[in-house]
């Protein structure tokens, strides 16, 4: 299984990478949405993308919309990892195409639960 982690915080990328590796994923990372789109082009289709919402340049919501506009990535699980907890904003993210969201700071349990809901790991 392969994952792409997108976050402007190196510390957050390292945390998410560690949690994903513990769950059995091979992990690639990117520092913003634009870099992540380029990574997708280089790495091919991962099994899941975890993306920060609030980043400079292309933020997570713009990234989700850009990925959803590409037929090659139809059905690619997209998980927003964010401090955003406003129900209306989370609903906007779901409407844009995010499949799930995890609150920051992510816990191993929250990540595992999201991956289980997306049927990426056994429950």
C-alpha atoms as a PDB file:
ATOM      1  CA  UNK A   1       0.000   0.000   0.000  1.00  0.00           C
ATOM      2  CA  UNK A   2       1.230   3.482  -0.849  1.00  0.00           C
ATOM      3  CA  UNK A   3       0.316   6.851   0.665  1.00  0.00           C
ATOM      4  CA  UNK A   4       1.042  10.469  -0.194  1.00  0.00           C
ATOM      5  CA  UNK A   5       1.259  12.915   2.733  1.00  0.00           C
ATOM      6  CA  UNK A   6       0.819  16.621   1.934  1.00  0.00           C
ATOM      7  CA  UNK A   7       1.524  19.227   4.608  1.00  0.00           C
ATOM      8  CA  UNK A   8       3.552  22.435   4.774  1.00  0.00           C
ATOM      9  CA  UNK A   9       4.808  21.427   8.240  1.00  0.00           C
ATOM     10  CA  UNK A  10       7.752  19.053   8.044  1.00  0.00           C
ATOM     11  CA  UNK A  11       7.068  17.903  11.622  1.00  0.00           C
ATOM     12  CA  UNK A  12       3.473  16.998  10.725  1.00  0.00           C
ATOM     13  CA  UNK A  13       4.612  15.155   7.585  1.00  0.00           C
ATOM     14  CA  UNK A  14       7.083  13.145   9.670  1.00  0.00           C
ATOM     15  CA  UNK A  15       4.405  12.280  12.252  1.00  0.00           C
ATOM     16  CA  UNK A  16       1.926  11.155   9.601  1.00  0.00           C
ATOM     17  CA  UNK A  17       4.627   9.209   7.757  1.00  0.00           C
ATOM     18  CA  UNK A  18       5.549   7.382  10.961  1.00  0.00           C
ATOM     19  CA  UNK A  19       1.909   6.498  11.689  1.00  0.00           C
ATOM     20  CA  UNK A  20       1.327   5.316   8.123  1.00  0.00           C
ATOM     21  CA  UNK A  21       4.493   3.207   8.069  1.00  0.00           C
ATOM     22  CA  UNK A  22       3.344   1.541  11.290  1.00  0.00           C
ATOM     23  CA  UNK A  23       0.122   0.667   9.446  1.00  0.00           C
ATOM     24  CA  UNK A  24       2.138  -0.909   6.627  1.00  0.00           C
ATOM     25  CA  UNK A  25       2.238   1.910   4.063  1.00  0.00           C
ATOM     26  CA  UNK A  26       5.086   3.048   1.845  1.00  0.00           C
ATOM     27  CA  UNK A  27       5.001   6.862   2.122  1.00  0.00           C
ATOM     28  CA  UNK A  28       5.886   9.756  -0.185  1.00  0.00           C
ATOM     29  CA  UNK A  29       5.455  13.382   0.906  1.00  0.00           C
ATOM     30  CA  UNK A  30       4.951  16.876  -0.469  1.00  0.00           C
ATOM     31  CA  UNK A  31       5.080  20.332   1.132  1.00  0.00           C
ATOM     32  CA  UNK A  32       2.043  21.858  -0.620  1.00  0.00           C
ATOM     33  CA  UNK A  33      -0.766  21.106  -3.050  1.00  0.00           C
ATOM     34  CA  UNK A  34       1.171  22.042  -6.175  1.00  0.00           C
ATOM     35  CA  UNK A  35       4.088  19.830  -5.215  1.00  0.00           C
ATOM     36  CA  UNK A  36       1.614  17.046  -4.395  1.00  0.00           C
ATOM     37  CA  UNK A  37       0.063  17.197  -7.866  1.00  0.00           C
ATOM     38  CA  UNK A  38       3.555  16.868  -9.337  1.00  0.00           C
ATOM     39  CA  UNK A  39       4.262  13.934  -6.994  1.00  0.00           C
ATOM     40  CA  UNK A  40       1.091  12.203  -8.169  1.00  0.00           C
ATOM     41  CA  UNK A  41       2.317  12.531 -11.734  1.00  0.00           C
ATOM     42  CA  UNK A  42       5.684  10.996 -10.826  1.00  0.00           C
ATOM     43  CA  UNK A  43       4.608   8.260  -8.439  1.00  0.00           C
ATOM     44  CA  UNK A  44       1.441   7.112 -10.106  1.00  0.00           C
ATOM     45  CA  UNK A  45      -1.717   6.476  -8.188  1.00  0.00           C
ATOM     46  CA  UNK A  46      -1.241   5.925  -4.423  1.00  0.00           C
ATOM     47  CA  UNK A  47      -3.782   4.052  -2.307  1.00  0.00           C
ATOM     48  CA  UNK A  48      -4.568   7.139  -0.189  1.00  0.00           C
ATOM     49  CA  UNK A  49      -3.635  10.819   0.112  1.00  0.00           C
ATOM     50  CA  UNK A  50      -3.578  12.636   3.448  1.00  0.00           C
ATOM     51  CA  UNK A  51      -3.600  16.383   2.898  1.00  0.00           C
ATOM     52  CA  UNK A  52      -3.457  19.386   5.221  1.00  0.00           C
ATOM     53  CA  UNK A  53      -6.244  21.901   4.672  1.00  0.00           C
ATOM     54  CA  UNK A  54      -4.433  25.147   5.499  1.00  0.00           C
ATOM     55  CA  UNK A  55      -1.267  25.530   3.428  1.00  0.00           C
ATOM     56  CA  UNK A  56       0.242  28.436   1.497  1.00  0.00           C
ATOM     57  CA  UNK A  57      -0.125  28.314  -2.259  1.00  0.00           C
ATOM     58  CA  UNK A  58      -2.547  25.537  -3.155  1.00  0.00           C
ATOM     59  CA  UNK A  59      -4.387  24.594   0.031  1.00  0.00           C
ATOM     60  CA  UNK A  60      -5.869  21.193   0.757  1.00  0.00           C
ATOM     61  CA  UNK A  61      -9.355  22.025  -0.469  1.00  0.00           C
ATOM     62  CA  UNK A  62      -8.007  23.314  -3.798  1.00  0.00           C
ATOM     63  CA  UNK A  63      -5.888  20.158  -4.040  1.00  0.00           C
ATOM     64  CA  UNK A  64      -8.961  17.966  -3.437  1.00  0.00           C
ATOM     65  CA  UNK A  65     -10.862  19.814  -6.160  1.00  0.00           C
ATOM     66  CA  UNK A  66      -7.930  19.519  -8.597  1.00  0.00           C
ATOM     67  CA  UNK A  67      -7.602  15.771  -7.973  1.00  0.00           C
ATOM     68  CA  UNK A  68     -11.345  15.222  -8.320  1.00  0.00           C
ATOM     69  CA  UNK A  69     -11.247  17.021 -11.692  1.00  0.00           C
ATOM     70  CA  UNK A  70      -8.854  14.352 -13.064  1.00  0.00           C
ATOM     71  CA  UNK A  71     -10.514  11.156 -14.296  1.00  0.00           C
ATOM     72  CA  UNK A  72      -7.294   9.192 -13.650  1.00  0.00           C
ATOM     73  CA  UNK A  73      -7.776   9.771  -9.917  1.00  0.00           C
ATOM     74  CA  UNK A  74     -11.466   8.881  -9.715  1.00  0.00           C
ATOM     75  CA  UNK A  75     -12.131   7.097  -6.453  1.00  0.00           C
ATOM     76  CA  UNK A  76      -8.719   7.920  -4.964  1.00  0.00           C
ATOM     77  CA  UNK A  77      -9.288   8.192  -1.190  1.00  0.00           C
ATOM     78  CA  UNK A  78      -8.536  11.744   0.008  1.00  0.00           C
ATOM     79  CA  UNK A  79      -8.283  12.472   3.737  1.00  0.00           C
ATOM     80  CA  UNK A  80      -8.048  16.039   5.028  1.00  0.00           C
ATOM     81  CA  UNK A  81      -5.886  16.362   8.125  1.00  0.00           C
ATOM     82  CA  UNK A  82      -6.844  19.644   9.717  1.00  0.00           C
ATOM     83  CA  UNK A  83      -7.509  21.745  12.769  1.00  0.00           C
ATOM     84  CA  UNK A  84     -10.760  22.827  11.072  1.00  0.00           C
ATOM     85  CA  UNK A  85     -13.698  21.454  13.032  1.00  0.00           C
ATOM     86  CA  UNK A  86     -16.534  23.747  11.963  1.00  0.00           C
ATOM     87  CA  UNK A  87     -19.303  21.455  10.706  1.00  0.00           C
ATOM     88  CA  UNK A  88     -20.115  23.704   7.727  1.00  0.00           C
ATOM     89  CA  UNK A  89     -16.448  23.764   6.614  1.00  0.00           C
ATOM     90  CA  UNK A  90     -16.151  19.998   6.987  1.00  0.00           C
ATOM     91  CA  UNK A  91     -19.338  19.643   4.909  1.00  0.00           C
ATOM     92  CA  UNK A  92     -17.750  21.899   2.253  1.00  0.00           C
ATOM     93  CA  UNK A  93     -14.717  19.615   2.196  1.00  0.00           C
ATOM     94  CA  UNK A  94     -16.910  16.553   1.755  1.00  0.00           C
ATOM     95  CA  UNK A  95     -18.834  18.292  -1.026  1.00  0.00           C
ATOM     96  CA  UNK A  96     -15.539  19.108  -2.759  1.00  0.00           C
ATOM     97  CA  UNK A  97     -14.603  15.433  -2.723  1.00  0.00           C
ATOM     98  CA  UNK A  98     -12.785  14.692   0.544  1.00  0.00           C
ATOM     99  CA  UNK A  99     -13.611  11.191   1.735  1.00  0.00           C
ATOM    100  CA  UNK A 100     -12.731  11.730   5.395  1.00  0.00           C
ATOM    101  CA  UNK A 101     -11.042  14.122   7.773  1.00  0.00           C
ATOM    102  CA  UNK A 102      -8.797  13.696  10.784  1.00  0.00           C
ATOM    103  CA  UNK A 103      -8.341  16.347  13.445  1.00  0.00           C
ATOM    104  CA  UNK A 104      -4.886  17.718  14.183  1.00  0.00           C
ATOM    105  CA  UNK A 105      -2.898  16.594  15.960  1.00  0.00           C
ATOM    106  CA  UNK A 106      -3.653  13.143  14.553  1.00  0.00           C
ATOM    107  CA  UNK A 107      -3.639  10.182  16.901  1.00  0.00           C
ATOM    108  CA  UNK A 108      -2.783   6.659  15.790  1.00  0.00           C
ATOM    109  CA  UNK A 109      -6.358   5.654  16.641  1.00  0.00           C
ATOM    110  CA  UNK A 110      -7.932   8.418  14.525  1.00  0.00           C
ATOM    111  CA  UNK A 111      -5.735   7.588  11.551  1.00  0.00           C
ATOM    112  CA  UNK A 112      -6.421   3.867  11.859  1.00  0.00           C
ATOM    113  CA  UNK A 113     -10.162   4.515  12.138  1.00  0.00           C
ATOM    114  CA  UNK A 114     -10.137   6.656   8.974  1.00  0.00           C
ATOM    115  CA  UNK A 115      -8.141   4.011   7.091  1.00  0.00           C
ATOM    116  CA  UNK A 116     -10.570   1.318   8.274  1.00  0.00           C
ATOM    117  CA  UNK A 117     -13.574   3.390   7.136  1.00  0.00           C
ATOM    118  CA  UNK A 118     -11.951   3.667   3.718  1.00  0.00           C
ATOM    119  CA  UNK A 119     -11.344  -0.113   3.747  1.00  0.00           C
ATOM    120  CA  UNK A 120      -7.578   0.400   3.448  1.00  0.00           C
ATOM    121  CA  UNK A 121      -6.706  -1.616   6.550  1.00  0.00           C
ATOM    122  CA  UNK A 122      -8.494  -4.426   8.330  1.00  0.00           C
ATOM    123  CA  UNK A 123     -10.687  -3.509  11.249  1.00  0.00           C
END
